[in-house]
Protein backbone atom coordinates (compact mmCIF):
# COMPACT_ATOMS: atom_id res chain seq x y z
CA MET A 1 55.95 -61.49 141.77
CA GLU A 2 57.18 -57.76 141.68
CA ILE A 3 57.15 -55.86 138.23
CA PRO A 4 60.29 -54.68 136.83
CA ARG A 5 60.80 -50.76 137.32
CA ARG A 6 61.55 -50.50 133.94
CA PHE A 7 58.58 -52.29 132.67
CA VAL A 8 56.59 -49.71 135.28
CA VAL A 9 58.20 -46.95 132.95
CA VAL A 10 56.79 -48.42 129.78
CA ILE A 11 53.51 -48.81 131.48
CA MET A 12 53.14 -45.46 132.56
CA GLY A 13 54.41 -43.97 129.72
CA PHE A 14 51.73 -45.97 127.63
CA PHE A 15 49.00 -44.40 129.35
CA GLY A 16 50.55 -40.84 129.45
CA LEU A 17 51.09 -40.64 125.98
CA LEU A 18 47.46 -42.16 125.32
CA CYS A 19 45.70 -39.84 127.61
CA THR A 20 47.48 -36.92 126.33
CA TYR A 21 47.41 -37.28 122.67
CA SER A 22 43.35 -37.85 123.17
CA LEU A 23 43.03 -34.35 124.07
CA ARG A 24 43.95 -33.32 120.51
CA THR A 25 41.86 -35.98 119.03
CA CYS A 26 38.75 -35.08 120.93
CA PHE A 27 38.96 -31.26 120.22
CA SER A 28 38.96 -32.01 116.44
CA LEU A 29 35.74 -33.85 116.43
CA VAL A 30 34.23 -32.07 118.72
CA MET A 31 34.75 -29.17 116.48
CA VAL A 32 33.56 -31.12 113.81
CA HIS A 33 30.02 -31.20 115.20
CA VAL A 34 29.94 -27.64 117.02
CA LEU A 35 30.49 -26.28 113.55
CA ARG A 36 28.49 -28.65 111.24
CA ARG A 37 26.65 -27.81 108.25
CA ASP A 38 23.24 -29.40 107.88
CA LEU A 39 24.03 -32.03 105.16
CA SER A 40 22.47 -35.07 104.08
CA GLN A 41 23.63 -37.65 106.53
CA THR A 42 25.07 -41.31 105.76
CA ASN A 43 24.36 -42.11 109.40
CA PHE A 44 26.55 -45.35 109.48
CA PRO A 45 26.76 -47.16 111.79
CA PHE A 46 25.10 -44.84 113.82
CA LYS A 47 21.89 -42.66 113.48
CA GLU A 48 21.34 -38.89 114.36
CA CYS A 49 22.94 -37.28 117.38
CA THR A 50 20.03 -37.19 120.04
CA ILE A 51 21.38 -34.21 121.73
CA ASN A 52 21.09 -32.04 118.57
CA GLY A 53 18.89 -28.75 119.64
CA THR A 54 18.64 -29.55 123.10
CA SER A 55 20.33 -27.77 126.49
CA MET A 56 23.21 -30.34 126.09
CA ASP A 57 24.21 -29.09 122.25
CA LEU A 58 26.05 -25.97 120.84
CA HIS A 59 26.11 -25.33 117.33
CA LEU A 60 28.40 -22.33 116.39
CA PRO A 61 28.07 -20.31 112.95
CA TRP A 62 31.62 -19.97 112.30
CA ASN A 63 33.54 -21.29 109.36
CA PRO A 64 34.39 -24.89 109.59
CA SER A 65 37.77 -24.27 108.33
CA TYR A 66 38.36 -22.55 111.92
CA THR A 67 38.80 -26.01 112.71
CA GLN A 68 42.44 -26.46 110.96
CA TYR A 69 43.13 -23.25 112.28
CA PHE A 70 42.58 -23.84 115.64
CA ASN A 71 44.61 -27.06 115.34
CA SER A 72 47.34 -25.03 113.41
CA ALA A 73 47.56 -22.67 116.58
CA PHE A 74 48.02 -25.90 119.10
CA PHE A 75 50.84 -27.24 116.85
CA ILE A 76 52.66 -23.51 116.15
CA GLY A 77 52.86 -23.69 120.50
CA TYR A 78 53.81 -27.39 120.18
CA PHE A 79 56.64 -26.41 117.91
CA LEU A 80 58.17 -23.75 119.73
CA THR A 81 58.95 -25.83 122.68
CA GLN A 82 60.22 -28.78 121.51
CA LEU A 83 63.86 -27.32 121.61
CA PRO A 84 63.15 -25.78 125.37
CA GLY A 85 61.63 -28.72 126.14
CA GLY A 86 64.68 -30.76 125.47
CA TYR A 87 67.08 -28.32 127.41
CA LEU A 88 64.98 -28.41 130.50
CA ALA A 89 64.64 -32.21 130.78
CA ALA A 90 68.38 -32.47 130.28
CA ARG A 91 69.06 -29.64 132.83
CA PHE A 92 66.44 -30.76 135.35
CA SER A 93 64.52 -33.32 135.71
CA SER A 94 62.81 -35.67 132.50
CA SER A 95 59.96 -37.24 134.51
CA ARG A 96 59.09 -33.84 136.08
CA ILE A 97 58.83 -32.13 132.91
CA PHE A 98 56.64 -34.57 130.94
CA GLY A 99 54.13 -34.46 134.17
CA VAL A 100 54.19 -30.77 134.65
CA SER A 101 53.64 -30.43 130.77
CA ILE A 102 50.58 -32.86 130.26
CA LEU A 103 49.14 -31.43 133.41
CA LEU A 104 48.76 -28.16 132.27
CA SER A 105 47.71 -29.18 128.78
CA GLY A 106 44.83 -31.06 130.69
CA ILE A 107 43.61 -28.01 132.44
CA MET A 108 43.42 -26.21 129.29
CA VAL A 109 41.07 -28.78 127.63
CA ILE A 110 38.59 -28.10 130.70
CA LEU A 111 38.71 -24.60 130.22
CA LEU A 112 37.78 -24.68 126.79
CA SER A 113 34.92 -26.44 127.68
CA PHE A 114 33.78 -23.07 129.33
CA VAL A 115 34.86 -20.39 127.11
CA VAL A 116 34.42 -21.91 123.44
CA ALA A 117 31.45 -19.80 123.01
CA TYR A 118 33.39 -16.64 123.74
CA GLY A 119 34.46 -16.15 120.01
CA PRO A 120 37.37 -17.99 117.73
CA ALA A 121 40.29 -15.45 119.32
CA VAL A 122 39.59 -16.97 122.71
CA VAL A 123 39.71 -20.78 121.36
CA PHE A 124 42.87 -19.87 119.01
CA SER A 125 44.75 -18.35 122.10
CA ILE A 126 43.89 -21.19 124.34
CA ARG A 127 44.84 -24.05 121.90
CA LEU A 128 48.23 -21.94 121.57
CA ILE A 129 48.91 -22.17 124.98
CA GLN A 130 48.10 -25.80 125.35
CA GLY A 131 50.67 -26.38 122.62
CA LEU A 132 53.13 -24.66 124.45
CA PHE A 133 52.88 -26.66 127.44
CA GLU A 134 52.52 -29.89 125.69
CA GLY A 135 55.48 -29.29 123.47
CA MET A 136 57.69 -30.26 126.07
CA SER A 137 56.31 -33.59 126.70
CA LEU A 138 57.92 -35.85 123.98
CA PRO A 139 61.59 -34.53 124.37
CA ALA A 140 61.37 -35.64 128.32
CA MET A 141 59.87 -38.80 127.61
CA ASN A 142 62.82 -39.66 125.25
CA GLY A 143 65.19 -38.38 128.11
CA VAL A 144 63.37 -41.14 130.25
CA LEU A 145 63.36 -44.06 127.93
CA SER A 146 66.67 -43.23 127.19
CA ALA A 147 67.83 -43.58 130.60
CA TRP A 148 65.71 -46.83 131.37
CA SER A 149 65.99 -48.88 127.88
CA LEU A 150 68.51 -51.94 128.15
CA SER A 151 70.34 -52.19 124.39
CA THR A 152 68.63 -55.85 123.58
CA GLU A 153 64.98 -54.21 124.75
CA LYS A 154 65.41 -50.70 122.86
CA SER A 155 62.66 -51.28 120.16
CA ARG A 156 60.25 -52.91 121.95
CA MET A 157 60.36 -50.57 125.02
CA VAL A 158 60.24 -47.47 122.81
CA THR A 159 57.20 -48.75 120.42
CA LEU A 160 55.31 -49.99 123.42
CA THR A 161 55.40 -46.85 125.23
CA TYR A 162 54.57 -44.74 121.97
CA SER A 163 52.17 -47.21 121.04
CA GLY A 164 49.80 -45.11 123.14
CA VAL A 165 50.05 -42.44 120.75
CA TYR A 166 48.80 -44.54 118.17
CA LEU A 167 46.07 -46.12 120.41
CA SER A 168 44.63 -42.80 121.45
CA PRO A 169 43.06 -41.44 118.37
CA ALA A 170 40.66 -44.76 118.42
CA VAL A 171 40.10 -44.55 122.16
CA ALA A 172 39.50 -40.51 121.72
CA PHE A 173 37.30 -40.95 118.41
CA PHE A 174 35.11 -43.46 119.81
CA ILE A 175 34.60 -41.93 122.98
CA THR A 176 34.10 -38.32 121.64
CA GLY A 177 32.10 -39.52 118.95
CA LEU A 178 29.50 -41.26 121.16
CA THR A 179 29.55 -38.84 124.12
CA THR A 180 29.15 -35.54 121.81
CA CYS A 181 26.33 -37.37 120.12
CA TYR A 182 24.66 -38.98 123.03
CA VAL A 183 25.87 -37.11 125.97
CA SER A 184 27.01 -33.05 125.63
CA TRP A 185 29.00 -31.66 123.54
CA ASN A 186 31.86 -31.03 125.87
CA SER A 187 31.70 -34.11 127.40
CA SER A 188 34.60 -35.23 126.23
CA PHE A 189 36.55 -32.54 127.20
CA PHE A 190 35.98 -33.18 131.16
CA ILE A 191 36.62 -36.89 130.52
CA PHE A 192 40.08 -36.92 128.66
CA GLY A 193 41.09 -33.56 130.62
CA SER A 194 40.56 -35.03 133.92
CA LEU A 195 42.13 -38.56 132.80
CA VAL A 196 45.32 -36.76 132.32
CA ILE A 197 45.36 -34.59 135.52
CA VAL A 198 44.84 -37.36 137.39
CA PHE A 199 47.46 -39.64 135.44
CA SER A 200 50.08 -36.64 135.56
CA LEU A 201 49.89 -36.57 139.48
CA LEU A 202 50.67 -40.63 139.06
CA TRP A 203 53.26 -40.20 136.95
CA MET A 204 55.09 -37.59 139.07
CA PHE A 205 54.80 -40.01 141.95
CA LEU A 206 55.90 -43.09 140.46
CA VAL A 207 58.11 -42.39 137.64
CA TYR A 208 61.95 -41.70 138.34
CA ASP A 209 64.37 -40.07 135.94
CA ASN A 210 66.67 -43.18 135.50
CA PRO A 211 67.58 -46.42 137.36
CA LYS A 212 70.00 -44.74 140.16
CA SER A 213 67.77 -42.30 141.34
CA ASN A 214 65.01 -45.00 142.15
CA PRO A 215 65.42 -46.33 145.77
CA ASN A 216 62.91 -49.43 144.97
CA LEU A 217 64.69 -50.55 142.25
CA SER A 218 65.84 -54.45 142.90
CA GLU A 219 69.52 -55.75 142.63
CA LYS A 220 68.89 -58.17 139.94
CA GLU A 221 67.15 -55.45 137.82
CA ARG A 222 70.23 -52.96 138.82
CA SER A 223 72.51 -55.83 137.75
CA PHE A 224 71.10 -55.74 134.13
CA PHE A 225 71.74 -52.38 134.11
CA ASP A 226 75.44 -52.80 135.35
CA ARG A 227 76.04 -55.32 132.91
CA ASP A 228 74.73 -53.79 130.09
CA GLY A 229 76.89 -50.55 130.72
CA ARG A 230 73.69 -48.60 130.45
CA CYS A 231 74.84 -44.71 130.87
CA LYS A 232 72.37 -42.22 132.65
CA THR A 233 72.05 -38.74 130.86
CA SER A 234 73.79 -36.06 133.38
CA LYS A 235 72.19 -33.06 133.84
CA ASP A 236 75.66 -31.60 133.26
CA THR A 237 75.53 -33.14 129.56
CA VAL A 238 73.83 -29.85 128.75
CA ARG A 239 76.87 -28.22 129.34
CA ASN A 240 78.65 -30.05 126.37
CA VAL A 241 76.45 -30.55 123.77
CA PRO A 242 78.21 -31.00 120.06
CA TYR A 243 75.06 -28.97 118.47
CA ARG A 244 77.03 -28.09 115.37
CA LYS A 245 77.83 -31.35 114.88
CA ILE A 246 74.31 -32.49 115.42
CA LEU A 247 72.78 -30.00 113.45
CA THR A 248 75.19 -31.17 110.30
CA SER A 249 74.58 -35.11 110.88
CA LEU A 250 72.63 -36.59 107.85
CA PRO A 251 71.62 -39.25 110.40
CA VAL A 252 69.92 -36.73 112.37
CA SER A 253 68.63 -35.35 109.41
CA ALA A 254 66.90 -38.54 108.33
CA VAL A 255 65.08 -38.81 111.77
CA PHE A 256 64.21 -34.95 111.28
CA VAL A 257 62.69 -35.82 108.17
CA GLY A 258 60.80 -38.53 109.35
CA ASN A 259 59.27 -36.74 111.93
CA PHE A 260 58.23 -33.98 109.69
CA CYS A 261 56.41 -36.59 107.55
CA ARG A 262 54.86 -38.81 110.28
CA ASN A 263 54.04 -35.16 111.78
CA TRP A 264 52.25 -34.10 108.45
CA ILE A 265 50.38 -37.52 108.10
CA PHE A 266 49.67 -37.59 111.83
CA SER A 267 48.12 -34.24 112.15
CA MET A 268 45.97 -35.43 108.96
CA GLN A 269 44.87 -38.30 110.64
CA VAL A 270 43.74 -36.85 113.92
CA SER A 271 42.43 -33.55 112.88
CA GLN A 272 41.52 -33.56 109.48
CA LEU A 273 40.15 -36.94 108.73
CA PRO A 274 37.31 -36.37 110.96
CA GLN A 275 36.10 -33.39 108.66
CA TYR A 276 36.72 -35.35 105.55
CA PHE A 277 34.12 -38.01 106.50
CA ALA A 278 31.96 -34.83 107.26
CA ASP A 279 32.42 -33.09 104.21
CA ALA A 280 32.56 -36.36 101.63
CA TYR A 281 29.82 -38.49 103.29
CA GLY A 282 28.01 -36.18 105.71
CA MET A 283 28.37 -38.46 108.51
CA ASN A 284 27.70 -37.75 112.07
CA VAL A 285 30.56 -37.28 114.85
CA ALA A 286 29.47 -40.66 116.21
CA SER A 287 29.93 -42.53 112.78
CA ILE A 288 32.86 -40.55 112.29
CA GLY A 289 34.42 -41.47 115.46
CA PHE A 290 33.49 -45.13 115.08
CA LEU A 291 34.86 -45.37 111.45
CA SER A 292 38.14 -43.24 112.20
CA ALA A 293 39.00 -45.69 115.47
CA LEU A 294 39.46 -48.61 112.99
CA PRO A 295 42.95 -47.90 111.43
CA ASP A 296 44.27 -46.84 114.73
CA ILE A 297 43.47 -50.04 116.11
CA LEU A 298 45.34 -51.94 113.33
CA MET A 299 48.34 -49.64 113.69
CA VAL A 300 48.86 -50.32 117.46
CA ILE A 301 49.10 -54.00 116.59
CA VAL A 302 51.82 -53.64 113.83
CA VAL A 303 53.62 -50.98 116.02
CA VAL A 304 54.03 -53.67 119.03
CA ALA A 305 54.53 -56.64 116.60
CA GLY A 306 57.09 -54.43 114.83
CA GLY A 307 59.25 -53.45 117.57
CA ILE A 308 59.44 -57.15 118.94
CA LEU A 309 60.55 -58.02 115.23
CA ILE A 310 63.09 -55.36 114.61
CA ASP A 311 64.48 -56.08 118.13
CA LYS A 312 64.58 -59.94 117.27
CA ILE A 313 66.31 -59.59 113.83
CA ILE A 314 69.03 -57.07 114.84
CA THR A 315 69.91 -58.68 118.31
CA THR A 316 70.34 -61.92 116.49
CA GLY A 317 72.50 -60.89 114.09
CA LYS A 318 70.38 -61.11 110.79
CA VAL A 319 70.75 -57.21 109.99
CA SER A 320 72.69 -54.54 111.17
CA THR A 321 70.76 -52.01 113.08
CA THR A 322 71.65 -49.56 110.41
CA VAL A 323 69.51 -52.19 107.87
CA GLY A 324 66.67 -52.96 110.52
CA ARG A 325 65.65 -49.36 111.21
CA LYS A 326 65.54 -48.59 107.21
CA ILE A 327 63.45 -51.61 106.66
CA ALA A 328 61.17 -50.44 109.63
CA GLN A 329 60.77 -47.19 108.33
CA CYS A 330 60.76 -47.68 104.74
CA SER A 331 58.13 -50.17 104.67
CA GLY A 332 56.16 -48.30 107.03
CA PHE A 333 56.15 -45.04 105.19
CA GLY A 334 56.08 -46.40 101.56
CA ILE A 335 52.96 -48.49 102.24
CA GLU A 336 51.15 -45.54 103.82
CA SER A 337 52.61 -43.23 101.13
CA LEU A 338 50.78 -45.35 98.46
CA CYS A 339 47.33 -45.59 100.45
CA VAL A 340 47.15 -42.27 101.07
CA LEU A 341 47.79 -41.48 97.21
CA SER A 342 44.93 -44.03 96.36
CA LEU A 343 42.34 -42.01 98.20
CA VAL A 344 42.56 -39.31 95.41
CA PHE A 345 40.61 -41.71 93.38
CA ILE A 346 38.27 -43.36 96.35
CA ARG A 347 34.44 -42.00 96.30
CA ASP A 348 32.83 -45.05 98.38
CA PHE A 349 33.28 -44.45 102.53
CA ARG A 350 33.53 -48.06 102.66
CA LEU A 351 36.44 -48.66 100.53
CA ALA A 352 38.45 -45.42 101.99
CA VAL A 353 38.03 -47.07 105.52
CA ILE A 354 39.69 -50.03 104.24
CA ILE A 355 42.59 -48.43 102.41
CA LEU A 356 43.40 -46.05 105.38
CA MET A 357 43.16 -49.19 107.67
CA ILE A 358 45.80 -51.13 105.62
CA GLY A 359 47.94 -47.59 105.27
CA ILE A 360 47.92 -46.13 108.73
CA GLY A 361 48.08 -50.03 110.22
CA ILE A 362 51.38 -50.55 108.49
CA SER A 363 52.65 -47.32 109.21
CA GLY A 364 53.39 -48.83 112.71
CA MET A 365 56.37 -50.39 111.08
CA ALA A 366 57.96 -46.97 110.98
CA MET A 367 57.82 -46.84 115.18
CA SER A 368 60.82 -48.92 115.10
CA GLY A 369 62.69 -47.00 112.54
CA TYR A 370 62.78 -42.97 113.45
CA VAL A 371 61.56 -43.43 116.91
CA VAL A 372 63.87 -45.11 118.02
CA ASN A 373 66.48 -44.02 116.17
CA ILE A 374 67.82 -41.32 118.35
CA LEU A 375 68.62 -43.59 121.13
CA ASP A 376 70.86 -45.52 118.43
CA LEU A 377 72.87 -42.21 117.53
CA ALA A 378 73.30 -40.41 120.69
CA PRO A 379 71.24 -41.69 123.89
CA GLN A 380 73.26 -39.27 126.23
CA TYR A 381 71.88 -36.36 124.16
CA ALA A 382 68.19 -38.07 123.75
CA HIS A 383 66.30 -35.08 125.19
CA ILE A 384 68.57 -32.38 122.98
CA VAL A 385 68.34 -34.59 119.82
CA THR A 386 64.56 -35.14 120.04
CA GLY A 387 64.04 -31.45 120.98
CA ILE A 388 65.90 -30.72 117.86
CA THR A 389 64.21 -33.19 115.49
CA ARG A 390 61.10 -32.44 117.06
CA ILE A 391 61.13 -28.84 115.54
CA SER A 392 59.99 -31.01 112.46
CA CYS A 393 56.44 -30.75 114.12
CA ILE A 394 56.20 -27.64 112.03
CA GLY A 395 54.82 -30.34 109.73
CA SER A 396 51.98 -30.37 111.69
CA VAL A 397 51.16 -26.61 111.31
CA LEU A 398 51.71 -26.41 107.58
CA SER A 399 49.52 -29.43 107.09
CA THR A 400 46.73 -28.35 109.23
CA ALA A 401 47.00 -24.79 107.44
CA LEU A 402 46.80 -26.28 104.12
CA ALA A 403 43.88 -28.55 104.53
CA GLY A 404 42.39 -25.04 105.96
CA TYR A 405 43.02 -23.20 102.80
CA LEU A 406 42.15 -26.06 100.20
CA ARG A 407 39.55 -27.11 102.20
CA GLU A 408 35.81 -27.01 100.45
CA GLU A 409 32.78 -28.98 101.53
CA ASN A 410 33.21 -31.20 98.54
CA ILE A 411 35.37 -34.48 98.05
CA GLU A 412 37.59 -32.87 95.12
CA SER A 413 39.10 -30.64 97.48
CA TRP A 414 40.08 -33.43 99.90
CA HIS A 415 41.37 -35.27 96.93
CA ARG A 416 44.06 -32.21 96.53
CA ILE A 417 45.14 -32.58 100.10
CA PHE A 418 45.67 -36.53 99.93
CA LEU A 419 47.62 -36.21 96.81
CA ILE A 420 50.17 -33.40 98.51
CA ALA A 421 50.19 -35.43 101.82
CA GLY A 422 51.21 -38.76 99.68
CA ILE A 423 54.06 -37.22 98.20
CA ILE A 424 55.65 -35.67 101.21
CA HIS A 425 55.31 -39.03 102.74
CA MET A 426 57.00 -41.01 99.70
CA PHE A 427 59.67 -38.74 99.98
CA GLY A 428 60.25 -38.79 103.75
CA ALA A 429 60.77 -43.14 102.90
CA ILE A 430 63.47 -42.41 100.49
CA TYR A 431 65.50 -39.75 102.13
CA TYR A 432 65.64 -41.94 105.68
CA GLY A 433 66.37 -45.12 103.14
CA ILE A 434 69.97 -42.97 101.83
CA PHE A 435 70.75 -40.98 105.17
CA ALA A 436 70.01 -43.00 108.05
CA SER A 437 72.19 -45.08 110.39
CA GLY A 438 71.91 -46.89 113.29
CA GLU A 439 75.44 -46.79 114.67
CA ARG A 440 76.60 -44.44 117.69
CA GLN A 441 77.59 -41.47 115.92
CA SER A 442 81.37 -40.23 116.26
CA TRP A 443 80.16 -36.96 117.98
CA ALA A 444 78.31 -38.80 120.62
CA GLU A 445 81.32 -40.63 122.17
CA THR A 446 82.81 -39.23 125.11
CA THR A 447 86.19 -39.62 126.51
CA ASP A 448 87.82 -40.12 130.07
CA ILE A 449 91.08 -39.93 131.16
CA THR A 450 93.04 -42.35 132.99
CA SER A 451 95.61 -41.79 135.96
CA SER A 452 98.46 -42.13 133.54
CA GLY A 453 96.75 -39.21 131.12
CA SER A 454 95.88 -41.63 128.33
CA THR A 455 92.31 -40.77 126.87
CA VAL A 456 90.30 -43.79 126.78
CA ALA A 457 86.74 -43.41 124.38
CA LEU A 458 83.72 -44.91 126.34
CA ALA A 459 81.30 -44.75 123.25
CA SER A 460 78.82 -47.18 125.21
CA CYS A 461 79.48 -45.69 128.58
CA PRO A 462 79.71 -41.89 128.54
CA VAL A 463 79.04 -41.68 132.21
CA HIS A 464 78.09 -44.54 134.29
CA GLU A 465 74.76 -45.05 135.33
CA TYR A 466 75.32 -45.14 138.79
CA GLY A 467 77.66 -42.28 139.21
CA THR A 468 80.76 -40.72 137.82
CA VAL A 469 83.60 -43.20 136.47
CA SER A 470 86.00 -43.93 139.42
CA GLN A 471 89.44 -43.97 138.73
CA ASP A 472 92.49 -46.71 140.15
CA ASN A 473 96.02 -45.40 140.25
CA ASP A 474 97.32 -48.69 139.02
CA LYS A 475 94.36 -49.83 136.87
CA GLY A 476 92.78 -47.23 135.43
CA LEU A 477 89.75 -47.47 134.86
CA VAL A 478 87.05 -49.72 137.27
CA SER A 479 85.35 -53.07 136.47
CA SER A 480 82.31 -52.02 134.50
CA THR A 481 83.70 -49.21 132.97
CA ARG A 482 86.83 -50.66 131.99
CA GLU A 483 84.63 -53.73 130.33
CA CYS A 484 83.00 -50.97 128.03
CA ALA A 485 86.23 -49.51 127.18
CA GLU A 486 87.64 -53.04 126.56
CA LYS A 487 84.34 -53.88 123.80
CA ARG A 488 85.89 -50.81 122.03
């Protein structure tokens, strides 16, 4: 039985994001090992690393806070190419921009394994360049998903794809911890860097920008997109983007704030928690990798289940799209913020892991909120709006920089870091609950002119998926487009 092509997009997107996001996780954990101090070790569940002191080991006498500054360099580059990435994806090819972006990022990680010992300035520079490349990936991915998501499958397609992001720390933490302790300090750089390079080539061969451009799309699946009134994101769309209205839109600002808070917490989860376990409990990287992976496994389950649940309650009419998005976002962010705040009072690593599993796991609900929300507000501008709202990844820069500044080799300094993160995340839940919307915005409605000169609003179909809207002198707009107009 042939797999529907939109499912191929989801599967490939899932593995693409999983491999790509693993790059930042493995770097953070490797740096914890390379810049380690001689501490009394908890050694649960893994004993001392066997490579210590051998030719396969590396121990640099730098300040451990450099780890956070190296991560800040990555996020600075990542921040700078969000909007350009959205523009390039809209102007040229979403799928190609994503493929090239992650290809170059994978090459940078492999390069790091050869030059880390040359000095902090070299590592800082390469991490900045890697961030510049990788920053274009998510705006491009949203452009692909916007073109391939049917309206009744929007939440589940996006959450299934993005679950790769949230599974990646679990996979990368576990593999990196073991290989760094028992194989070589840089083995995970080669593993994940090579995977990303191979995957990027497969992606560019198998994934197309939209259903129209895929010559292997079945007639049955093509009819789904016709009936859905799906609209392609045209390269010409970029010439008429209502930037002022996007920038002043409160629902867009709610997505921006959601992104900002998520980036703050996610950077803490990926780049700071490993250092927390090392500082507070003296763990080796194998133990850190194992314990850090547990919350992410639960999160992926919640991401997938949450996407299906939110789609169901919206499509059955039990709640509006707006209410559904707010339920997902506020429950996910609210519970996670309370769990992060509770870490301020915890001094036992077992209890800390349990709290993190609850908070990080339930936060997966939020993926059916702000992540999917862009496709509700303005699907034809998904690349651009994603690029604009992803500027909020400045939250990752600030989070890692603050952690580098506040961090000391004790648990009390981490309590201050968690307090700030929890308050910021709670603010994100409240702001989204007030200002978010699940309705297409008025500035995202486009018009077409009938032969009589009258204007027809095509909120559901700005440009038909399989070409520009055709006209008929007697009947105005043709069938599928007329049906969309009549729905108005």
